[in-house]
Amino acid sequence: MKPYNYFDDEEEQPQPSAQVRLAQLVAALQVNGAKLRRTVRRDEEIVEELRDYPNLRRAALKWLAVALFVLAVVIAIISFAVSLHNQSKWNERFCDQAGQVCTDYIAKYGACRWESMDERYGKKMARMTGVSYLRRMDFNGDGRDELLICYLEKGLYFFDIWGFDGKNFSKFYSANACYATGDGKLGSWVVLYHTGRRYQVGVCDPQKPTEVTLYAMRGKKFKKAASCQYNVDTGVFSQNDKPNTEDFERLQLSCIRETRAGGYGDRRHGGIQHQDHGGDRGQPAGRHAEKASLL
């Protein structure tokens, strides 16, 4: 027989009563119920968020649109400021270079004056002398001006067009002003034609002053672009036999009244600080000759 070992005996644990077990079950159910309720509430919150998602998306898109609009406005303001700064620097450079060219021309041909030409043109009629006309205007449509300068040399009028060729200020074009060999009382004049955003210049054969060839600046050269007719009696230009009093200017350099010639000298050398906006367009060519001024 195996010896009895006292230490092998275990204390018998009392079994909980049915009432205690029921209480424990209820407590466990309460704990699990609380967890379940929290889970259900969280699920409900998620469901509500999902229901509100379209509204949140619309609100987010609205704020995003506002932010993009503000950003676009800021960029536009900065771009405008930079553009103004660059334009100001370019304008200052243009005035410096054009001013030097004008100074050289005046030194060579003389300042703008007028002289009486009663014997040639009639009583109290005159012509401009020296550097007779200056004007900055856009000939190539790039939004930046070139310089038109007219002058008298050895009894004939010429006009030159200067502008920036890269970094250099260069002469792009030179030609005789229009005149008529058969009728000296017509004087001399320069033809300008405004089309789109640019100007073209017109030249004519002195033997046929009514036939005008228009030249446009393309690249760095002036090339033939079109033709028109000039009525020497009415001072009106025509294209395809249709009068055009809106887009042509005639800059009269000689055969002008002395009273007007005196004012021309002051207006034509008023400076080259501002861009030409074509303010004289819309008048017949004859009246343009009275109103032409340097802008």
Protein backbone atom coordinates (compact mmCIF):
# COMPACT_ATOMS: atom_id res chain seq x y z
CA MET A 1 0.00 0.00 0.00
CA LYS A 2 1.24 3.42 -0.97
CA PRO A 3 2.00 5.57 1.96
CA TYR A 4 -0.39 8.40 2.56
CA ASN A 5 1.07 11.85 1.85
CA TYR A 6 -0.59 14.53 3.83
CA PHE A 7 0.62 17.26 1.50
CA ASP A 8 -1.21 15.75 -1.45
CA ASP A 9 -4.43 16.90 0.00
CA GLU A 10 -5.89 20.06 -1.61
CA GLU A 11 -8.22 22.43 0.04
CA GLU A 12 -11.56 22.12 -1.53
CA GLN A 13 -12.75 25.46 -2.91
CA PRO A 14 -16.29 26.33 -2.08
CA GLN A 15 -18.50 26.57 -5.15
CA PRO A 16 -20.29 29.93 -5.61
CA SER A 17 -23.92 29.84 -5.09
CA ALA A 18 -26.36 30.19 -7.95
CA GLN A 19 -27.16 33.75 -6.82
CA VAL A 20 -23.49 34.78 -7.03
CA ARG A 21 -23.06 33.21 -10.42
CA LEU A 22 -26.13 35.09 -11.64
CA ALA A 23 -24.72 38.36 -10.34
CA GLN A 24 -21.41 37.71 -12.07
CA LEU A 25 -23.21 36.97 -15.32
CA VAL A 26 -25.23 40.17 -15.05
CA ALA A 27 -22.07 42.22 -14.40
CA ALA A 28 -20.33 40.68 -17.40
CA LEU A 29 -23.36 41.42 -19.54
CA GLN A 30 -23.37 45.02 -18.31
CA VAL A 31 -19.69 45.47 -19.20
CA ASN A 32 -20.12 43.89 -22.61
CA GLY A 33 -23.32 45.90 -23.16
CA ALA A 34 -21.50 49.14 -22.42
CA LYS A 35 -18.79 48.19 -24.93
CA LEU A 36 -21.47 47.26 -27.45
CA ARG A 37 -23.28 50.57 -26.92
CA ARG A 38 -20.02 52.48 -27.46
CA THR A 39 -19.40 50.51 -30.63
CA VAL A 40 -22.93 51.22 -31.84
CA ARG A 41 -22.57 54.96 -31.10
CA ARG A 42 -19.27 55.07 -32.98
CA ASP A 43 -20.88 53.28 -35.91
CA GLU A 44 -23.71 55.80 -35.84
CA GLU A 45 -21.21 58.65 -35.87
CA ILE A 46 -19.44 57.11 -38.85
CA VAL A 47 -22.76 56.74 -40.62
CA GLU A 48 -23.58 60.42 -39.95
CA GLU A 49 -20.15 61.47 -41.26
CA LEU A 50 -20.76 59.41 -44.37
CA ARG A 51 -24.15 61.07 -44.78
CA ASP A 52 -22.54 64.53 -44.43
CA TYR A 53 -19.67 63.70 -46.80
CA PRO A 54 -21.25 65.31 -49.91
CA ASN A 55 -21.77 68.54 -47.96
CA LEU A 56 -18.24 68.42 -46.65
CA ARG A 57 -16.95 67.82 -50.16
CA ARG A 58 -18.91 70.78 -51.51
CA ALA A 59 -17.63 72.97 -48.69
CA ALA A 60 -14.07 71.82 -49.33
CA LEU A 61 -14.42 72.51 -53.05
CA LYS A 62 -15.88 75.93 -52.29
CA TRP A 63 -12.97 76.89 -50.05
CA LEU A 64 -10.53 75.46 -52.57
CA ALA A 65 -12.10 77.62 -55.29
CA VAL A 66 -11.85 80.70 -53.05
CA ALA A 67 -8.21 79.93 -52.30
CA LEU A 68 -7.41 79.46 -56.00
CA PHE A 69 -9.18 82.74 -56.85
CA VAL A 70 -7.19 84.63 -54.21
CA LEU A 71 -3.99 83.00 -55.48
CA ALA A 72 -4.85 83.99 -59.07
CA VAL A 73 -5.48 87.59 -57.99
CA VAL A 74 -2.17 87.71 -56.15
CA ILE A 75 -0.33 86.26 -59.15
CA ALA A 76 -2.08 88.75 -61.47
CA ILE A 77 -1.09 91.68 -59.25
CA ILE A 78 2.51 90.49 -59.07
CA SER A 79 2.62 89.92 -62.84
CA PHE A 80 1.14 93.35 -63.48
CA ALA A 81 3.67 94.98 -61.18
CA VAL A 82 6.54 93.13 -62.84
CA SER A 83 5.17 94.06 -66.28
CA LEU A 84 4.95 97.72 -65.31
CA HIS A 85 8.48 97.61 -63.95
CA ASN A 86 9.81 95.99 -67.13
CA GLN A 87 7.85 98.40 -69.33
CA SER A 88 9.16 101.33 -67.33
CA LYS A 89 12.73 100.11 -67.72
CA TRP A 90 12.22 99.52 -71.44
CA ASN A 91 10.62 102.95 -71.88
CA GLU A 92 13.52 104.61 -70.08
CA ARG A 93 15.95 102.76 -72.32
CA PHE A 94 13.96 103.70 -75.43
CA CYS A 95 13.90 107.38 -74.49
CA ASP A 96 17.64 107.37 -73.86
CA GLN A 97 18.46 105.73 -77.19
CA ALA A 98 15.88 107.67 -79.22
CA GLY A 99 16.95 110.90 -77.56
CA GLN A 100 20.51 110.30 -78.63
CA VAL A 101 19.40 109.63 -82.22
CA CYS A 102 17.35 112.83 -82.24
CA THR A 103 20.30 114.77 -80.87
CA ASP A 104 22.51 113.42 -83.66
CA TYR A 105 19.91 114.30 -86.32
CA ILE A 106 19.47 117.82 -84.97
CA ALA A 107 23.22 118.29 -84.94
CA LYS A 108 23.35 117.22 -88.58
CA TYR A 109 20.16 118.68 -90.06
CA GLY A 110 19.23 121.39 -87.58
CA ALA A 111 16.38 121.86 -85.14
CA CYS A 112 12.79 122.16 -86.25
CA ARG A 113 12.16 125.53 -87.88
CA TRP A 114 9.88 126.91 -90.54
CA GLU A 115 10.57 129.27 -93.38
CA SER A 116 8.29 131.35 -95.57
CA MET A 117 7.72 130.00 -99.10
CA ASP A 118 5.43 132.66 -100.57
CA GLU A 119 6.96 132.50 -104.02
CA ARG A 120 6.63 128.74 -104.32
CA TYR A 121 3.46 127.90 -102.44
CA GLY A 122 1.59 131.18 -102.25
CA LYS A 123 1.11 134.02 -99.81
CA LYS A 124 1.84 133.23 -96.16
CA MET A 125 2.70 129.61 -96.94
CA ALA A 126 5.70 127.88 -95.40
CA ARG A 127 7.66 124.66 -95.06
CA MET A 128 9.32 122.92 -92.12
CA THR A 129 13.11 122.70 -91.98
CA GLY A 130 15.63 120.66 -90.03
CA VAL A 131 14.26 117.74 -88.05
CA SER A 132 10.65 118.41 -88.97
CA TYR A 133 8.75 115.61 -87.24
CA LEU A 134 9.29 113.04 -84.48
CA ARG A 135 6.92 110.35 -83.31
CA ARG A 136 7.09 107.03 -81.53
CA MET A 137 4.74 104.39 -82.90
CA ASP A 138 4.47 100.62 -83.21
CA PHE A 139 5.33 99.38 -86.70
CA ASN A 140 5.67 95.64 -86.02
CA GLY A 141 2.74 95.07 -83.66
CA ASP A 142 4.80 93.80 -80.72
CA GLY A 143 3.41 96.39 -78.32
CA ARG A 144 6.67 98.36 -78.25
CA ASP A 145 7.35 101.47 -80.23
CA GLU A 146 9.75 102.44 -82.94
CA LEU A 147 10.84 106.00 -83.72
CA LEU A 148 9.71 107.87 -86.84
CA ILE A 149 11.86 110.89 -87.67
CA CYS A 150 11.36 113.23 -90.67
CA TYR A 151 13.91 115.79 -91.83
CA LEU A 152 14.81 118.13 -94.68
CA GLU A 153 18.10 117.61 -96.50
CA LYS A 154 19.17 119.59 -99.56
CA GLY A 155 15.62 120.57 -100.45
CA LEU A 156 14.13 117.07 -100.12
CA TYR A 157 12.28 115.48 -97.22
CA PHE A 158 13.19 112.04 -95.92
CA PHE A 159 11.91 109.86 -93.12
CA ASP A 160 13.74 107.17 -91.15
CA ILE A 161 12.43 104.53 -88.76
CA TRP A 162 14.55 103.43 -85.81
CA GLY A 163 14.00 100.76 -83.18
CA PHE A 164 15.59 98.07 -81.07
CA ASP A 165 17.31 95.27 -82.92
CA GLY A 166 18.04 93.11 -79.91
CA LYS A 167 20.10 95.30 -77.62
CA ASN A 168 21.08 97.78 -80.34
CA PHE A 169 19.02 100.77 -81.42
CA SER A 170 19.20 100.59 -85.22
CA LYS A 171 17.73 102.16 -88.33
CA PHE A 172 15.25 99.80 -90.00
CA TYR A 173 14.00 101.89 -92.91
CA SER A 174 14.63 105.09 -94.85
CA ALA A 175 12.74 106.65 -97.78
CA ASN A 176 11.79 109.89 -99.48
CA ALA A 177 8.64 111.65 -98.40
CA CYS A 178 5.92 111.85 -101.03
CA TYR A 179 5.82 114.81 -103.42
CA ALA A 180 4.68 115.55 -106.97
CA THR A 181 7.10 116.72 -109.62
CA GLY A 182 4.26 118.12 -111.72
CA ASP A 183 2.65 120.15 -108.94
CA GLY A 184 5.01 121.75 -106.45
CA LYS A 185 2.12 123.37 -104.57
CA LEU A 186 1.18 119.96 -103.16
CA GLY A 187 4.29 120.14 -101.01
CA SER A 188 5.74 117.06 -99.36
CA TRP A 189 4.05 114.61 -97.03
CA VAL A 190 4.40 111.24 -95.29
CA VAL A 191 1.66 108.60 -95.47
CA LEU A 192 0.80 106.47 -92.42
CA TYR A 193 -1.71 103.64 -92.41
CA HIS A 194 -3.00 102.06 -89.21
CA THR A 195 -4.08 98.44 -89.40
CA GLY A 196 -4.71 96.21 -86.42
CA ARG A 197 -2.07 96.93 -83.82
CA ARG A 198 0.56 98.34 -86.14
CA TYR A 199 1.35 101.14 -88.55
CA GLN A 200 2.50 100.94 -92.12
CA VAL A 201 4.22 103.65 -94.17
CA GLY A 202 3.40 104.71 -97.70
CA VAL A 203 5.72 105.82 -100.49
CA CYS A 204 4.90 107.02 -103.99
CA ASP A 205 6.55 107.79 -107.30
CA PRO A 206 6.82 111.60 -107.70
CA GLN A 207 5.57 111.11 -111.25
CA LYS A 208 2.44 109.33 -109.92
CA PRO A 209 1.70 110.71 -106.44
CA THR A 210 -1.80 109.26 -106.58
CA GLU A 211 -0.46 105.68 -106.45
CA VAL A 212 0.83 104.80 -102.98
CA THR A 213 2.65 101.61 -101.99
CA LEU A 214 2.33 100.57 -98.34
CA TYR A 215 5.23 98.91 -96.53
CA ALA A 216 4.92 96.86 -93.34
CA MET A 217 7.63 95.91 -90.89
CA ARG A 218 8.18 92.15 -90.90
CA GLY A 219 10.98 90.98 -88.73
CA LYS A 220 13.76 93.51 -89.14
CA LYS A 221 12.80 94.70 -92.61
CA PHE A 222 10.02 96.67 -94.26
CA LYS A 223 8.35 94.79 -97.10
CA LYS A 224 5.61 95.68 -99.55
CA ALA A 225 2.23 94.92 -98.01
CA ALA A 226 -0.47 96.63 -100.09
CA SER A 227 -1.30 99.65 -102.20
CA CYS A 228 -3.81 102.47 -102.14
CA GLN A 229 -4.86 105.54 -104.08
CA TYR A 230 -4.54 109.17 -103.00
CA ASN A 231 -6.80 111.92 -104.28
CA VAL A 232 -4.61 115.02 -104.42
CA ASP A 233 -7.67 117.27 -104.70
CA THR A 234 -9.65 116.00 -101.70
CA GLY A 235 -6.78 114.61 -99.62
CA VAL A 236 -8.63 111.29 -99.18
CA PHE A 237 -7.11 107.83 -99.54
CA SER A 238 -8.93 104.89 -101.11
CA GLN A 239 -8.46 101.13 -101.13
CA ASN A 240 -10.03 99.08 -103.88
CA ASP A 241 -11.80 102.25 -105.03
CA LYS A 242 -13.43 102.65 -101.59
CA PRO A 243 -12.59 105.85 -99.66
CA ASN A 244 -10.98 105.25 -96.27
CA THR A 245 -11.01 108.27 -94.00
CA GLU A 246 -10.52 106.26 -90.79
CA ASP A 247 -7.12 104.59 -91.04
CA PHE A 248 -4.87 106.94 -93.03
CA GLU A 249 -2.82 109.93 -91.93
CA ARG A 250 -1.01 112.44 -94.09
CA LEU A 251 1.81 114.26 -92.30
CA GLN A 252 2.23 117.48 -94.27
CA LEU A 253 5.80 118.79 -94.09
CA SER A 254 5.64 121.65 -96.58
CA CYS A 255 3.04 123.87 -98.27
CA ILE A 256 1.42 124.71 -94.93
CA ARG A 257 0.19 128.02 -93.62
CA GLU A 258 2.65 130.07 -91.61
CA THR A 259 0.28 130.24 -88.65
CA ARG A 260 0.24 126.46 -88.46
CA ALA A 261 3.94 126.09 -89.13
CA GLY A 262 4.73 128.16 -86.05
CA GLY A 263 2.74 125.76 -83.87
CA TYR A 264 4.17 122.66 -85.51
CA GLY A 265 7.66 123.38 -84.27
CA ASP A 266 6.46 123.48 -80.68
CA ARG A 267 4.24 120.38 -80.87
CA ARG A 268 6.54 118.22 -82.93
CA HIS A 269 9.34 118.49 -80.41
CA GLY A 270 7.26 118.05 -77.30
CA GLY A 271 9.20 114.95 -76.20
CA ILE A 272 9.22 111.21 -76.78
CA GLN A 273 8.02 110.13 -73.37
CA HIS A 274 4.65 108.62 -74.21
CA GLN A 275 3.39 105.94 -76.50
CA ASP A 276 1.37 106.87 -79.57
CA HIS A 277 -2.19 105.59 -79.19
CA GLY A 278 -3.37 106.77 -82.58
CA GLY A 279 -5.39 109.63 -81.16
CA ASP A 280 -5.52 111.46 -84.50
CA ARG A 281 -6.97 108.55 -86.42
CA GLY A 282 -10.51 108.90 -87.65
CA GLN A 283 -9.98 112.24 -89.43
CA PRO A 284 -9.49 112.83 -93.15
CA ALA A 285 -5.85 112.96 -94.17
CA GLY A 286 -6.01 116.69 -94.89
CA ARG A 287 -6.96 117.43 -91.31
CA HIS A 288 -4.34 115.05 -89.98
CA ALA A 289 -1.71 117.40 -91.39
CA GLU A 290 -3.05 120.13 -89.13
CA LYS A 291 -3.17 117.99 -86.00
CA ALA A 292 -0.03 115.91 -86.32
CA SER A 293 2.08 116.08 -83.17
CA LEU A 294 4.80 114.21 -81.40
CA LEU A 295 3.62 111.76 -78.74
